[in-house]
Protein backbone atom coordinates (compact mmCIF):
# COMPACT_ATOMS: atom_id res chain seq x y z
CA MET A 1 -2.55 -24.48 34.98
CA VAL A 2 -1.06 -27.20 32.73
CA GLY A 3 -4.52 -29.01 33.12
CA ALA A 4 -6.32 -25.75 32.29
CA CYS A 5 -4.20 -25.44 29.02
CA LEU A 6 -4.77 -29.33 28.12
CA THR A 7 -8.52 -28.92 28.71
CA THR A 8 -8.71 -26.00 26.42
CA ILE A 9 -6.81 -27.87 23.71
CA SER A 10 -9.58 -30.55 24.04
CA ILE A 11 -12.30 -27.99 24.06
CA LEU A 12 -11.07 -26.65 20.80
CA ARG A 13 -11.77 -29.48 18.99
CA LEU A 14 -15.49 -29.22 19.58
CA LEU A 15 -15.73 -25.69 18.49
CA GLU A 16 -16.35 -24.47 14.95
CA ILE A 17 -13.56 -22.18 14.66
CA SER A 18 -11.05 -21.79 11.64
CA ARG A 19 -8.42 -24.60 11.41
CA SER A 20 -5.64 -22.33 11.15
CA LEU A 21 -6.70 -20.24 14.41
CA ALA A 22 -7.32 -23.55 16.20
CA LEU A 23 -3.73 -24.74 15.12
CA LEU A 24 -2.25 -21.37 16.48
CA ILE A 25 -3.97 -21.46 19.94
CA ASP A 26 -3.08 -25.20 20.23
CA SER A 27 0.39 -24.30 19.63
CA PHE A 28 0.37 -21.18 22.05
CA LEU A 29 -1.52 -23.55 24.93
CA ALA A 30 1.20 -26.51 24.34
CA LEU A 31 3.88 -23.76 24.81
CA ASP A 32 2.13 -22.22 28.02
CA SER A 33 1.92 -25.79 29.40
CA LEU A 34 5.54 -25.96 29.06
CA VAL A 35 5.96 -22.66 30.81
CA PHE A 36 3.89 -23.74 33.56
CA LEU A 37 5.56 -26.78 33.84
CA SER A 38 9.15 -25.21 34.11
CA SER A 39 7.84 -22.86 36.64
CA SER A 40 6.66 -25.75 38.62
CA PHE A 41 9.80 -27.50 38.38
CA ILE A 42 12.02 -24.51 39.23
CA SER A 43 9.69 -23.66 42.30
CA TYR A 44 10.39 -27.23 43.49
CA LEU A 45 14.03 -26.72 43.18
CA SER A 46 13.77 -23.35 44.98
CA ILE A 47 12.35 -25.21 48.06
CA ARG A 48 14.88 -27.99 47.64
CA SER A 49 18.09 -25.87 47.42
CA ARG A 50 19.44 -23.93 50.30
CA GLN A 51 21.92 -21.87 48.45
CA PHE A 52 20.06 -20.52 45.45
CA SER A 53 16.46 -20.58 47.08
CA ALA A 54 15.69 -16.93 46.82
CA ARG A 55 17.03 -16.61 43.23
CA LEU A 56 15.06 -19.78 41.95
CA GLU A 57 11.91 -18.51 43.39
CA ARG A 58 12.18 -15.22 41.64
CA ILE A 59 12.92 -17.15 38.47
CA ALA A 60 9.89 -19.31 38.81
CA ASP A 61 7.72 -16.19 39.67
CA VAL A 62 8.62 -14.49 36.32
CA ILE A 63 8.12 -17.75 34.36
CA PHE A 64 4.78 -18.18 35.97
CA LEU A 65 3.80 -14.79 35.15
CA LEU A 66 5.00 -15.08 31.48
CA GLY A 67 2.71 -18.29 31.46
CA LEU A 68 -0.19 -16.09 32.75
CA ALA A 69 0.60 -13.45 29.86
CA ILE A 70 0.34 -15.93 27.40
CA MET A 71 -2.99 -17.35 28.78
CA VAL A 72 -4.49 -13.90 28.58
CA VAL A 73 -3.23 -13.55 24.78
CA ILE A 74 -4.94 -16.80 24.33
CA GLY A 75 -8.01 -15.48 25.94
CA PHE A 76 -8.15 -12.58 23.80
CA MET A 77 -7.71 -14.43 20.76
CA LEU A 78 -10.65 -16.92 21.59
CA THR A 79 -12.80 -13.85 22.74
CA TYR A 80 -12.17 -12.12 19.30
CA GLU A 81 -12.90 -15.36 17.39
CA PHE A 82 -16.02 -16.00 19.15
CA GLY A 83 -17.21 -12.45 18.54
CA ILE A 84 -16.47 -13.01 14.74
CA LEU A 85 -18.64 -16.14 14.82
CA GLU A 86 -21.60 -14.36 16.77
CA ILE A 87 -21.37 -11.67 14.00
CA GLY A 88 -21.23 -14.15 11.20
CA HIS A 89 -24.30 -16.30 12.17
């Protein structure tokens, strides 16, 4: 998922969208990458921990779902912007 976020950041540089929106989406994607990275790290810790395994697994799941929710918001932002570009041309 981190790779998907970083790839989308790179692709945004090639698209003709407003600079302010591109900066906002870049920021959300960078945050989303950190969210997915922290979910992966906590998931790894849950595998290694015997005492807190179930609790860490639940935390990792919630963080992962938060990352997915952020990605959905970004998808809506991009879809809206592409719709505006199509109408404008």
